Amino acid sequence: MKVVFTFKLKDTQYEELTKQFPDVSFRIYPSIKEAELEDANVIVTYGEDIDVSILEKARSLEWIMVASAGVEKMPLAEIAKRNIVVSNVRGIHKTPMAESVLAHILALCRSLPAIYEHQKQKEWNKKVRSVELSGSTALILGPGAIGGEIGRLLKAFGVKTIGCNRSGKPVDSVDDIVEFSRLEEALPEADFVISVLPSTSETKGLLTSRHFDVMKSTAVFLNFGRGDLVREKDIVEALRTGKIGHAVLDVFEREPLPLDSELWELSNVTISPHISSHSRNYVPRALEIFNKNLSIWQSGDRQLINLVDPERGY
């Protein structure tokens, strides 16, 4: 059995793999372009490097392990046609991403950007407009593993949390829940609108200009899910016209964000280059799931942890 990694591992991580699975041939490559794939049974990848030409080359491929949550950039229809099993590392992002969201919210509430700017200017300025997070309301689009952790942390700060999902099924970590169809009803109540939604046929373009129309003029919109949730021009219009107070964006329609994007010029937006999930614990957590799944796979079972349905995209 041959397993190909298309990203680097530490020597200690490689050694642990070979020790735990002595009958498996592991090959580690810095990129998929350099990988020998012809006889690979398993590819472990971040997902963005898989295309149809790779599938045609990897004739023995049976399982793709995606060391990420999103799989929308992969040729899912072709993968389904070839009956290739796909799994991901859903759940490992919840701690760093929830902490990133909370950090941005606290920074804005407690005027940290202004304080940092005053320090750069060597200016002793007490005129900052800080507010308390306690007593506010957050609407979380996608209260799954990541959104649920965000809700749990926010509740500890005295924030009322409303989850919004497709089914309307209750979630333990939020106070209330609404379906996507009732999103416009819930938006006027929210001080923070936080999206951690994946990219699916249901979520692409879910937010439109009419949703910004009903938000509070002081609301903060935070997108940490996928950039195709909303068109950039609608965010820009909402920020320019004062429909909302601020936006924190970790994901965009086009990445990297083009230099000519209007978002770079706006003072009421925080741009984060898709790094909210970064952590020194990321790869170790991904390998923990992979190791469990590889043991399951070797036993002949195909019911892996975090299976992805290629036809549904999640």
C-alpha atoms as a PDB file:
ATOM      1  CA  MET A   1       0.000   0.000   0.000  1.00  0.00           C
ATOM      2  CA  LYS A   2       1.397   3.385  -1.017  1.00  0.00           C
ATOM      3  CA  VAL A   3       0.404   6.662   0.659  1.00  0.00           C
ATOM      4  CA  VAL A   4       1.531   9.952  -0.885  1.00  0.00           C
ATOM      5  CA  PHE A   5       1.615  13.210   1.086  1.00  0.00           C
ATOM      6  CA  THR A   6       1.669  16.354  -1.064  1.00  0.00           C
ATOM      7  CA  PHE A   7       2.900  18.585   1.748  1.00  0.00           C
ATOM      8  CA  LYS A   8       5.902  18.374   4.035  1.00  0.00           C
ATOM      9  CA  LEU A   9       5.947  16.635   7.396  1.00  0.00           C
ATOM     10  CA  LYS A  10       8.455  16.943  10.184  1.00  0.00           C
ATOM     11  CA  ASP A  11      10.976  14.116  10.411  1.00  0.00           C
ATOM     12  CA  THR A  12       9.487  13.052  13.744  1.00  0.00           C
ATOM     13  CA  GLN A  13       6.005  12.877  12.196  1.00  0.00           C
ATOM     14  CA  TYR A  14       7.262  10.744   9.317  1.00  0.00           C
ATOM     15  CA  GLU A  15       9.105   8.452  11.706  1.00  0.00           C
ATOM     16  CA  GLU A  16       5.984   7.995  13.813  1.00  0.00           C
ATOM     17  CA  LEU A  17       3.956   7.060  10.729  1.00  0.00           C
ATOM     18  CA  THR A  18       6.471   4.449   9.580  1.00  0.00           C
ATOM     19  CA  LYS A  19       6.679   3.046  13.096  1.00  0.00           C
ATOM     20  CA  GLN A  20       2.921   2.776  13.502  1.00  0.00           C
ATOM     21  CA  PHE A  21       2.297   1.441   9.973  1.00  0.00           C
ATOM     22  CA  PRO A  22       5.409  -0.584   9.013  1.00  0.00           C
ATOM     23  CA  ASP A  23       3.686  -2.305   6.094  1.00  0.00           C
ATOM     24  CA  VAL A  24       2.708   0.993   4.417  1.00  0.00           C
ATOM     25  CA  SER A  25       4.975   2.833   1.971  1.00  0.00           C
ATOM     26  CA  PHE A  26       4.868   6.546   2.753  1.00  0.00           C
ATOM     27  CA  ARG A  27       6.146   9.115   0.267  1.00  0.00           C
ATOM     28  CA  ILE A  28       6.393  12.787   1.239  1.00  0.00           C
ATOM     29  CA  TYR A  29       6.575  15.447  -1.490  1.00  0.00           C
ATOM     30  CA  PRO A  30       6.630  19.257  -1.276  1.00  0.00           C
ATOM     31  CA  SER A  31       3.970  19.445  -3.995  1.00  0.00           C
ATOM     32  CA  ILE A  32       1.763  17.185  -6.056  1.00  0.00           C
ATOM     33  CA  LYS A  33       3.619  18.188  -9.228  1.00  0.00           C
ATOM     34  CA  GLU A  34       6.722  16.434  -7.917  1.00  0.00           C
ATOM     35  CA  ALA A  35       4.892  13.386  -6.580  1.00  0.00           C
ATOM     36  CA  GLU A  36       4.992   9.915  -8.090  1.00  0.00           C
ATOM     37  CA  LEU A  37       1.308   9.074  -8.266  1.00  0.00           C
ATOM     38  CA  GLU A  38       0.981   6.207 -10.719  1.00  0.00           C
ATOM     39  CA  ASP A  39       0.775   3.521  -8.023  1.00  0.00           C
ATOM     40  CA  ALA A  40      -0.513   5.670  -5.147  1.00  0.00           C
ATOM     41  CA  ASN A  41      -3.444   4.136  -3.279  1.00  0.00           C
ATOM     42  CA  VAL A  42      -3.951   7.109  -0.962  1.00  0.00           C
ATOM     43  CA  ILE A  43      -3.223  10.807  -1.415  1.00  0.00           C
ATOM     44  CA  VAL A  44      -3.059  13.107   1.600  1.00  0.00           C
ATOM     45  CA  THR A  45      -3.465  16.698   0.417  1.00  0.00           C
ATOM     46  CA  TYR A  46      -4.838  20.112   1.292  1.00  0.00           C
ATOM     47  CA  GLY A  47      -7.183  19.596  -1.666  1.00  0.00           C
ATOM     48  CA  GLU A  48      -6.448  22.512  -3.949  1.00  0.00           C
ATOM     49  CA  ASP A  49      -3.866  20.573  -5.958  1.00  0.00           C
ATOM     50  CA  ILE A  50      -6.210  17.784  -7.069  1.00  0.00           C
ATOM     51  CA  ASP A  51      -7.552  18.092 -10.622  1.00  0.00           C
ATOM     52  CA  VAL A  52      -8.729  15.730 -13.356  1.00  0.00           C
ATOM     53  CA  SER A  53      -5.213  15.271 -14.726  1.00  0.00           C
ATOM     54  CA  ILE A  54      -4.073  14.064 -11.297  1.00  0.00           C
ATOM     55  CA  LEU A  55      -6.939  11.573 -11.158  1.00  0.00           C
ATOM     56  CA  GLU A  56      -6.016  10.254 -14.598  1.00  0.00           C
ATOM     57  CA  LYS A  57      -2.411   9.857 -13.516  1.00  0.00           C
ATOM     58  CA  ALA A  58      -3.205   8.158 -10.196  1.00  0.00           C
ATOM     59  CA  ARG A  59      -4.849   5.038 -11.631  1.00  0.00           C
ATOM     60  CA  SER A  60      -4.634   3.075  -8.367  1.00  0.00           C
ATOM     61  CA  LEU A  61      -6.102   5.829  -6.225  1.00  0.00           C
ATOM     62  CA  GLU A  62      -8.783   4.668  -3.785  1.00  0.00           C
ATOM     63  CA  TRP A  63      -8.865   7.310  -1.050  1.00  0.00           C
ATOM     64  CA  ILE A  64      -8.181  11.053  -0.869  1.00  0.00           C
ATOM     65  CA  MET A  65      -7.562  12.377   2.624  1.00  0.00           C
ATOM     66  CA  VAL A  66      -8.050  16.162   2.604  1.00  0.00           C
ATOM     67  CA  ALA A  67      -6.162  17.898   5.416  1.00  0.00           C
ATOM     68  CA  SER A  68      -8.695  20.710   5.313  1.00  0.00           C
ATOM     69  CA  ALA A  69     -12.449  21.096   5.723  1.00  0.00           C
ATOM     70  CA  GLY A  70     -13.389  22.531   2.320  1.00  0.00           C
ATOM     71  CA  VAL A  71     -13.338  20.329  -0.775  1.00  0.00           C
ATOM     72  CA  GLU A  72     -15.061  22.656  -3.229  1.00  0.00           C
ATOM     73  CA  LYS A  73     -11.958  23.183  -5.382  1.00  0.00           C
ATOM     74  CA  MET A  74     -11.645  19.476  -6.140  1.00  0.00           C
ATOM     75  CA  PRO A  75     -13.209  17.809  -9.241  1.00  0.00           C
ATOM     76  CA  LEU A  76     -15.908  16.189  -7.131  1.00  0.00           C
ATOM     77  CA  ALA A  77     -17.987  14.834 -10.018  1.00  0.00           C
ATOM     78  CA  GLU A  78     -14.971  12.979 -11.435  1.00  0.00           C
ATOM     79  CA  ILE A  79     -14.043  11.701  -7.987  1.00  0.00           C
ATOM     80  CA  ALA A  80     -17.565  10.340  -7.480  1.00  0.00           C
ATOM     81  CA  LYS A  81     -17.534   8.729 -10.916  1.00  0.00           C
ATOM     82  CA  ARG A  82     -14.329   6.860 -10.036  1.00  0.00           C
ATOM     83  CA  ASN A  83     -15.727   5.752  -6.648  1.00  0.00           C
ATOM     84  CA  ILE A  84     -12.808   7.332  -4.800  1.00  0.00           C
ATOM     85  CA  VAL A  85     -13.386   7.692  -1.060  1.00  0.00           C
ATOM     86  CA  VAL A  86     -12.939  11.222   0.291  1.00  0.00           C
ATOM     87  CA  SER A  87     -12.487  12.227   3.920  1.00  0.00           C
ATOM     88  CA  ASN A  88     -11.430  15.478   5.558  1.00  0.00           C
ATOM     89  CA  VAL A  89     -10.335  16.837   8.933  1.00  0.00           C
ATOM     90  CA  ARG A  90     -13.574  18.542   9.867  1.00  0.00           C
ATOM     91  CA  GLY A  91     -13.436  19.669  13.487  1.00  0.00           C
ATOM     92  CA  ILE A  92      -9.734  20.392  13.900  1.00  0.00           C
ATOM     93  CA  HIS A  93     -10.222  24.036  12.914  1.00  0.00           C
ATOM     94  CA  LYS A  94     -12.624  24.875  15.700  1.00  0.00           C
ATOM     95  CA  THR A  95     -10.106  26.002  18.334  1.00  0.00           C
ATOM     96  CA  PRO A  96      -7.882  28.322  16.241  1.00  0.00           C
ATOM     97  CA  MET A  97     -10.776  29.707  14.191  1.00  0.00           C
ATOM     98  CA  ALA A  98     -12.987  30.357  17.205  1.00  0.00           C
ATOM     99  CA  GLU A  99     -10.090  32.094  18.941  1.00  0.00           C
ATOM    100  CA  SER A 100      -9.432  34.174  15.804  1.00  0.00           C
ATOM    101  CA  VAL A 101     -13.071  35.288  15.614  1.00  0.00           C
ATOM    102  CA  LEU A 102     -13.130  36.138  19.312  1.00  0.00           C
ATOM    103  CA  ALA A 103      -9.835  38.027  19.033  1.00  0.00           C
ATOM    104  CA  HIS A 104     -11.150  40.230  16.218  1.00  0.00           C
ATOM    105  CA  ILE A 105     -14.411  40.918  18.043  1.00  0.00           C
ATOM    106  CA  LEU A 106     -12.668  41.839  21.295  1.00  0.00           C
ATOM    107  CA  ALA A 107     -10.140  43.977  19.449  1.00  0.00           C
ATOM    108  CA  LEU A 108     -12.924  46.019  17.837  1.00  0.00           C
ATOM    109  CA  CYS A 109     -14.974  46.306  21.042  1.00  0.00           C
ATOM    110  CA  ARG A 110     -11.993  47.432  23.101  1.00  0.00           C
ATOM    111  CA  SER A 111     -10.579  49.780  20.416  1.00  0.00           C
ATOM    112  CA  LEU A 112      -7.294  47.931  20.002  1.00  0.00           C
ATOM    113  CA  PRO A 113      -6.704  49.067  16.380  1.00  0.00           C
ATOM    114  CA  ALA A 114      -6.974  52.719  17.498  1.00  0.00           C
ATOM    115  CA  ILE A 115      -4.752  52.092  20.523  1.00  0.00           C
ATOM    116  CA  TYR A 116      -2.088  50.456  18.339  1.00  0.00           C
ATOM    117  CA  GLU A 117      -2.232  53.359  15.888  1.00  0.00           C
ATOM    118  CA  HIS A 118      -1.862  55.910  18.689  1.00  0.00           C
ATOM    119  CA  GLN A 119       1.189  54.034  19.940  1.00  0.00           C
ATOM    120  CA  LYS A 120       2.783  54.149  16.462  1.00  0.00           C
ATOM    121  CA  GLN A 121       2.209  57.902  16.403  1.00  0.00           C
ATOM    122  CA  LYS A 122       3.562  58.277  19.994  1.00  0.00           C
ATOM    123  CA  GLU A 123       0.214  59.836  20.855  1.00  0.00           C
ATOM    124  CA  TRP A 124      -1.260  59.766  24.394  1.00  0.00           C
ATOM    125  CA  ASN A 125      -4.916  59.737  23.381  1.00  0.00           C
ATOM    126  CA  LYS A 126      -7.699  58.598  25.679  1.00  0.00           C
ATOM    127  CA  LYS A 127     -10.443  59.336  23.163  1.00  0.00           C
ATOM    128  CA  VAL A 128     -11.334  55.826  22.111  1.00  0.00           C
ATOM    129  CA  ARG A 129     -14.865  54.522  21.655  1.00  0.00           C
ATOM    130  CA  SER A 130     -14.772  51.225  23.473  1.00  0.00           C
ATOM    131  CA  VAL A 131     -17.881  49.160  24.126  1.00  0.00           C
ATOM    132  CA  GLU A 132     -18.570  46.036  26.118  1.00  0.00           C
ATOM    133  CA  LEU A 133     -19.060  42.671  24.460  1.00  0.00           C
ATOM    134  CA  SER A 134     -21.341  41.563  27.292  1.00  0.00           C
ATOM    135  CA  GLY A 135     -25.017  42.081  26.491  1.00  0.00           C
ATOM    136  CA  SER A 136     -24.575  41.990  22.714  1.00  0.00           C
ATOM    137  CA  THR A 137     -26.065  39.497  20.242  1.00  0.00           C
ATOM    138  CA  ALA A 138     -24.215  37.335  17.733  1.00  0.00           C
ATOM    139  CA  LEU A 139     -25.787  35.535  14.783  1.00  0.00           C
ATOM    140  CA  ILE A 140     -23.681  32.555  13.712  1.00  0.00           C
ATOM    141  CA  LEU A 141     -24.195  31.225  10.198  1.00  0.00           C
ATOM    142  CA  GLY A 142     -23.210  27.561  10.381  1.00  0.00           C
ATOM    143  CA  PRO A 143     -23.257  26.530  14.062  1.00  0.00           C
ATOM    144  CA  GLY A 144     -21.423  23.255  13.469  1.00  0.00           C
ATOM    145  CA  ALA A 145     -18.083  22.316  15.034  1.00  0.00           C
ATOM    146  CA  ILE A 146     -16.469  25.728  14.416  1.00  0.00           C
ATOM    147  CA  GLY A 147     -19.592  27.831  14.833  1.00  0.00           C
ATOM    148  CA  GLY A 148     -20.539  25.913  17.947  1.00  0.00           C
ATOM    149  CA  GLU A 149     -17.177  26.632  19.538  1.00  0.00           C
ATOM    150  CA  ILE A 150     -17.538  30.314  18.640  1.00  0.00           C
ATOM    151  CA  GLY A 151     -20.944  30.280  20.291  1.00  0.00           C
ATOM    152  CA  ARG A 152     -19.578  28.594  23.413  1.00  0.00           C
ATOM    153  CA  LEU A 153     -16.841  31.190  23.830  1.00  0.00           C
ATOM    154  CA  LEU A 154     -19.163  34.126  23.169  1.00  0.00           C
ATOM    155  CA  LYS A 155     -21.693  32.888  25.717  1.00  0.00           C
ATOM    156  CA  ALA A 156     -18.913  32.948  28.324  1.00  0.00           C
ATOM    157  CA  PHE A 157     -18.675  36.697  27.641  1.00  0.00           C
ATOM    158  CA  GLY A 158     -22.392  37.221  28.186  1.00  0.00           C
ATOM    159  CA  VAL A 159     -23.337  37.319  24.513  1.00  0.00           C
ATOM    160  CA  LYS A 160     -26.722  36.104  23.294  1.00  0.00           C
ATOM    161  CA  THR A 161     -26.117  33.645  20.461  1.00  0.00           C
ATOM    162  CA  ILE A 162     -28.399  32.773  17.555  1.00  0.00           C
ATOM    163  CA  GLY A 163     -27.454  29.974  15.186  1.00  0.00           C
ATOM    164  CA  CYS A 164     -28.619  29.817  11.587  1.00  0.00           C
ATOM    165  CA  ASN A 165     -28.551  26.567   9.635  1.00  0.00           C
ATOM    166  CA  ARG A 166     -30.387  24.748   6.871  1.00  0.00           C
ATOM    167  CA  SER A 167     -32.521  22.511   9.060  1.00  0.00           C
ATOM    168  CA  GLY A 168     -33.349  24.709  12.030  1.00  0.00           C
ATOM    169  CA  LYS A 169     -32.368  21.846  14.352  1.00  0.00           C
ATOM    170  CA  PRO A 170     -31.341  23.009  17.850  1.00  0.00           C
ATOM    171  CA  VAL A 171     -27.641  23.278  18.710  1.00  0.00           C
ATOM    172  CA  ASP A 172     -26.381  23.015  22.296  1.00  0.00           C
ATOM    173  CA  SER A 173     -23.867  25.851  22.055  1.00  0.00           C
ATOM    174  CA  VAL A 174     -26.298  28.573  20.926  1.00  0.00           C
ATOM    175  CA  ASP A 175     -29.327  30.069  22.647  1.00  0.00           C
ATOM    176  CA  ASP A 176     -31.687  30.090  19.651  1.00  0.00           C
ATOM    177  CA  ILE A 177     -31.721  28.657  16.149  1.00  0.00           C
ATOM    178  CA  VAL A 178     -33.298  29.793  12.871  1.00  0.00           C
ATOM    179  CA  GLU A 179     -33.403  28.263   9.409  1.00  0.00           C
ATOM    180  CA  PHE A 180     -31.765  29.903   6.395  1.00  0.00           C
ATOM    181  CA  SER A 181     -35.249  30.863   5.234  1.00  0.00           C
ATOM    182  CA  ARG A 182     -35.695  33.030   8.355  1.00  0.00           C
ATOM    183  CA  LEU A 183     -32.305  34.722   8.190  1.00  0.00           C
ATOM    184  CA  GLU A 184     -33.689  38.164   7.364  1.00  0.00           C
ATOM    185  CA  GLU A 185     -35.905  38.033  10.456  1.00  0.00           C
ATOM    186  CA  ALA A 186     -32.938  37.441  12.756  1.00  0.00           C
ATOM    187  CA  LEU A 187     -30.419  39.862  11.228  1.00  0.00           C
ATOM    188  CA  PRO A 188     -31.820  43.124  12.691  1.00  0.00           C
ATOM    189  CA  GLU A 189     -31.128  41.812  16.210  1.00  0.00           C
ATOM    190  CA  ALA A 190     -27.470  40.969  15.631  1.00  0.00           C
ATOM    191  CA  ASP A 191     -24.514  43.103  16.669  1.00  0.00           C
ATOM    192  CA  PHE A 192     -22.175  40.528  15.100  1.00  0.00           C
ATOM    193  CA  VAL A 193     -22.974  38.425  12.036  1.00  0.00           C
ATOM    194  CA  ILE A 194     -20.451  35.601  11.828  1.00  0.00           C
ATOM    195  CA  SER A 195     -20.261  33.154   8.923  1.00  0.00           C
ATOM    196  CA  VAL A 196     -18.290  29.924   9.049  1.00  0.00           C
ATOM    197  CA  LEU A 197     -20.337  28.258   6.319  1.00  0.00           C
ATOM    198  CA  PRO A 198     -18.684  25.927   3.794  1.00  0.00           C
ATOM    199  CA  SER A 199     -19.078  26.420   0.065  1.00  0.00           C
ATOM    200  CA  THR A 200     -22.049  24.394  -1.189  1.00  0.00           C
ATOM    201  CA  SER A 201     -24.830  24.900  -3.712  1.00  0.00           C
ATOM    202  CA  GLU A 202     -27.012  26.159  -0.832  1.00  0.00           C
ATOM    203  CA  THR A 203     -24.536  28.659   0.588  1.00  0.00           C
ATOM    204  CA  LYS A 204     -23.106  30.234  -2.577  1.00  0.00           C
ATOM    205  CA  GLY A 205     -24.559  33.729  -2.788  1.00  0.00           C
ATOM    206  CA  LEU A 206     -26.654  33.158   0.337  1.00  0.00           C
ATOM    207  CA  LEU A 207     -26.025  36.723   1.531  1.00  0.00           C
ATOM    208  CA  THR A 208     -27.102  39.563  -0.746  1.00  0.00           C
ATOM    209  CA  SER A 209     -27.420  43.337  -0.507  1.00  0.00           C
ATOM    210  CA  ARG A 210     -30.916  42.998   0.953  1.00  0.00           C
ATOM    211  CA  HIS A 211     -29.460  41.196   3.975  1.00  0.00           C
ATOM    212  CA  PHE A 212     -27.087  44.095   4.639  1.00  0.00           C
ATOM    213  CA  ASP A 213     -30.089  46.436   4.303  1.00  0.00           C
ATOM    214  CA  VAL A 214     -31.710  44.944   7.413  1.00  0.00           C
ATOM    215  CA  MET A 215     -28.586  44.753   9.577  1.00  0.00           C
ATOM    216  CA  LYS A 216     -27.834  47.291  12.288  1.00  0.00           C
ATOM    217  CA  SER A 217     -25.772  50.242  11.047  1.00  0.00           C
ATOM    218  CA  THR A 218     -23.310  49.373  13.823  1.00  0.00           C
ATOM    219  CA  ALA A 219     -23.196  45.638  13.034  1.00  0.00           C
ATOM    220  CA  VAL A 220     -19.912  43.860  12.390  1.00  0.00           C
ATOM    221  CA  PHE A 221     -19.938  41.255   9.613  1.00  0.00           C
ATOM    222  CA  LEU A 222     -17.283  38.540   9.936  1.00  0.00           C
ATOM    223  CA  ASN A 223     -16.742  36.005   7.149  1.00  0.00           C
ATOM    224  CA  PHE A 224     -14.479  33.099   8.111  1.00  0.00           C
ATOM    225  CA  GLY A 225     -16.170  30.443   5.977  1.00  0.00           C
ATOM    226  CA  ARG A 226     -15.933  30.843   2.207  1.00  0.00           C
ATOM    227  CA  GLY A 227     -15.714  33.912  -0.004  1.00  0.00           C
ATOM    228  CA  ASP A 228     -18.507  32.886  -2.357  1.00  0.00           C
ATOM    229  CA  LEU A 229     -21.081  33.401   0.413  1.00  0.00           C
ATOM    230  CA  VAL A 230     -21.498  37.006  -0.745  1.00  0.00           C
ATOM    231  CA  ARG A 231     -20.370  39.180  -3.647  1.00  0.00           C
ATOM    232  CA  GLU A 232     -17.541  41.561  -2.860  1.00  0.00           C
ATOM    233  CA  LYS A 233     -19.390  44.483  -4.420  1.00  0.00           C
ATOM    234  CA  ASP A 234     -22.261  44.026  -1.958  1.00  0.00           C
ATOM    235  CA  ILE A 235     -19.858  44.104   1.003  1.00  0.00           C
ATOM    236  CA  VAL A 236     -18.141  47.208  -0.384  1.00  0.00           C
ATOM    237  CA  GLU A 237     -21.480  48.962  -0.881  1.00  0.00           C
ATOM    238  CA  ALA A 238     -22.605  48.091   2.648  1.00  0.00           C
ATOM    239  CA  LEU A 239     -19.378  49.470   4.116  1.00  0.00           C
ATOM    240  CA  ARG A 240     -19.246  52.598   1.939  1.00  0.00           C
ATOM    241  CA  THR A 241     -22.872  53.567   2.570  1.00  0.00           C
ATOM    242  CA  GLY A 242     -22.872  52.818   6.285  1.00  0.00           C
ATOM    243  CA  LYS A 243     -25.344  49.954   6.110  1.00  0.00           C
ATOM    244  CA  ILE A 244     -23.001  48.168   8.541  1.00  0.00           C
ATOM    245  CA  GLY A 245     -20.251  49.413  10.810  1.00  0.00           C
ATOM    246  CA  HIS A 246     -17.352  47.112  10.051  1.00  0.00           C
ATOM    247  CA  ALA A 247     -16.360  43.877   8.306  1.00  0.00           C
ATOM    248  CA  VAL A 248     -13.697  41.345   9.227  1.00  0.00           C
ATOM    249  CA  LEU A 249     -12.888  39.185   6.215  1.00  0.00           C
ATOM    250  CA  ASP A 250     -10.665  36.113   6.245  1.00  0.00           C
ATOM    251  CA  VAL A 251     -12.007  34.730   2.939  1.00  0.00           C
ATOM    252  CA  PHE A 252     -12.729  36.339  -0.416  1.00  0.00           C
ATOM    253  CA  GLU A 253     -14.259  35.688  -3.827  1.00  0.00           C
ATOM    254  CA  ARG A 254     -10.753  35.783  -5.296  1.00  0.00           C
ATOM    255  CA  GLU A 255      -7.680  34.795  -3.328  1.00  0.00           C
ATOM    256  CA  PRO A 256      -5.187  36.335  -2.935  1.00  0.00           C
ATOM    257  CA  LEU A 257      -7.289  39.491  -2.769  1.00  0.00           C
ATOM    258  CA  PRO A 258      -6.404  41.502  -5.921  1.00  0.00           C
ATOM    259  CA  LEU A 259      -4.463  44.712  -5.390  1.00  0.00           C
ATOM    260  CA  ASP A 260      -7.171  46.689  -7.184  1.00  0.00           C
ATOM    261  CA  SER A 261      -9.910  45.499  -4.815  1.00  0.00           C
ATOM    262  CA  GLU A 262     -11.823  48.363  -3.221  1.00  0.00           C
ATOM    263  CA  LEU A 263     -11.669  46.541   0.103  1.00  0.00           C
ATOM    264  CA  TRP A 264      -8.016  47.540   0.547  1.00  0.00           C
ATOM    265  CA  GLU A 265      -9.023  51.217   0.559  1.00  0.00           C
ATOM    266  CA  LEU A 266     -11.791  51.075   3.163  1.00  0.00           C
ATOM    267  CA  SER A 267     -11.061  52.105   6.744  1.00  0.00           C
ATOM    268  CA  ASN A 268     -13.922  50.041   8.221  1.00  0.00           C
ATOM    269  CA  VAL A 269     -12.722  46.630   7.073  1.00  0.00           C
ATOM    270  CA  THR A 270     -10.137  44.240   8.514  1.00  0.00           C
ATOM    271  CA  ILE A 271      -8.477  42.008   5.918  1.00  0.00           C
ATOM    272  CA  SER A 272      -7.046  38.692   7.062  1.00  0.00           C
ATOM    273  CA  PRO A 273      -5.332  36.549   4.359  1.00  0.00           C
ATOM    274  CA  HIS A 274      -7.224  33.283   5.018  1.00  0.00           C
ATOM    275  CA  ILE A 275      -5.141  32.444   8.087  1.00  0.00           C
ATOM    276  CA  SER A 276      -7.730  32.087  10.852  1.00  0.00           C
ATOM    277  CA  SER A 277      -7.153  28.326  11.157  1.00  0.00           C
ATOM    278  CA  HIS A 278      -3.348  28.557  11.305  1.00  0.00           C
ATOM    279  CA  SER A 279      -1.801  26.959  14.367  1.00  0.00           C
ATOM    280  CA  ARG A 280       1.289  24.928  15.216  1.00  0.00           C
ATOM    281  CA  ASN A 281      -1.183  22.194  16.225  1.00  0.00           C
ATOM    282  CA  TYR A 282      -2.839  21.988  12.796  1.00  0.00           C
ATOM    283  CA  VAL A 283      -0.816  19.177  11.188  1.00  0.00           C
ATOM    284  CA  PRO A 284      -0.576  17.084  14.388  1.00  0.00           C
ATOM    285  CA  ARG A 285      -4.369  17.206  14.720  1.00  0.00           C
ATOM    286  CA  ALA A 286      -4.804  16.302  11.038  1.00  0.00           C
ATOM    287  CA  LEU A 287      -2.421  13.366  11.421  1.00  0.00           C
ATOM    288  CA  GLU A 288      -4.322  12.143  14.464  1.00  0.00           C
ATOM    289  CA  ILE A 289      -7.467  11.774  12.306  1.00  0.00           C
ATOM    290  CA  PHE A 290      -5.474  10.285   9.425  1.00  0.00           C
ATOM    291  CA  ASN A 291      -3.851   7.661  11.656  1.00  0.00           C
ATOM    292  CA  LYS A 292      -7.218   6.545  12.989  1.00  0.00           C
ATOM    293  CA  ASN A 293      -8.639   6.377   9.474  1.00  0.00           C
ATOM    294  CA  LEU A 294      -5.656   4.475   8.109  1.00  0.00           C
ATOM    295  CA  SER A 295      -6.123   1.840  10.802  1.00  0.00           C
ATOM    296  CA  ILE A 296      -9.799   1.587   9.844  1.00  0.00           C
ATOM    297  CA  TRP A 297      -8.875   1.381   6.159  1.00  0.00           C
ATOM    298  CA  GLN A 298      -6.369  -1.401   6.729  1.00  0.00           C
ATOM    299  CA  SER A 299      -9.051  -3.427   8.511  1.00  0.00           C
ATOM    300  CA  GLY A 300     -11.095  -3.371   5.313  1.00  0.00           C
ATOM    301  CA  ASP A 301     -13.702  -0.935   6.620  1.00  0.00           C
ATOM    302  CA  ARG A 302     -14.544   2.072   4.442  1.00  0.00           C
ATOM    303  CA  GLN A 303     -16.655   3.935   7.005  1.00  0.00           C
ATOM    304  CA  LEU A 304     -13.978   6.487   7.804  1.00  0.00           C
ATOM    305  CA  ILE A 305     -14.097   9.407  10.205  1.00  0.00           C
ATOM    306  CA  ASN A 306     -15.291  12.591   8.460  1.00  0.00           C
ATOM    307  CA  LEU A 307     -16.410  10.998   5.207  1.00  0.00           C
ATOM    308  CA  VAL A 308     -17.298  13.519   2.497  1.00  0.00           C
ATOM    309  CA  ASP A 309     -20.060  12.930  -0.041  1.00  0.00           C
ATOM    310  CA  PRO A 310     -18.514  14.154  -3.332  1.00  0.00           C
ATOM    311  CA  GLU A 311     -21.953  14.669  -4.862  1.00  0.00           C
ATOM    312  CA  ARG A 312     -23.112  16.935  -2.024  1.00  0.00           C
ATOM    313  CA  GLY A 313     -19.756  18.629  -1.478  1.00  0.00           C
ATOM    314  CA  TYR A 314     -19.616  18.045   2.279  1.00  0.00           C
END
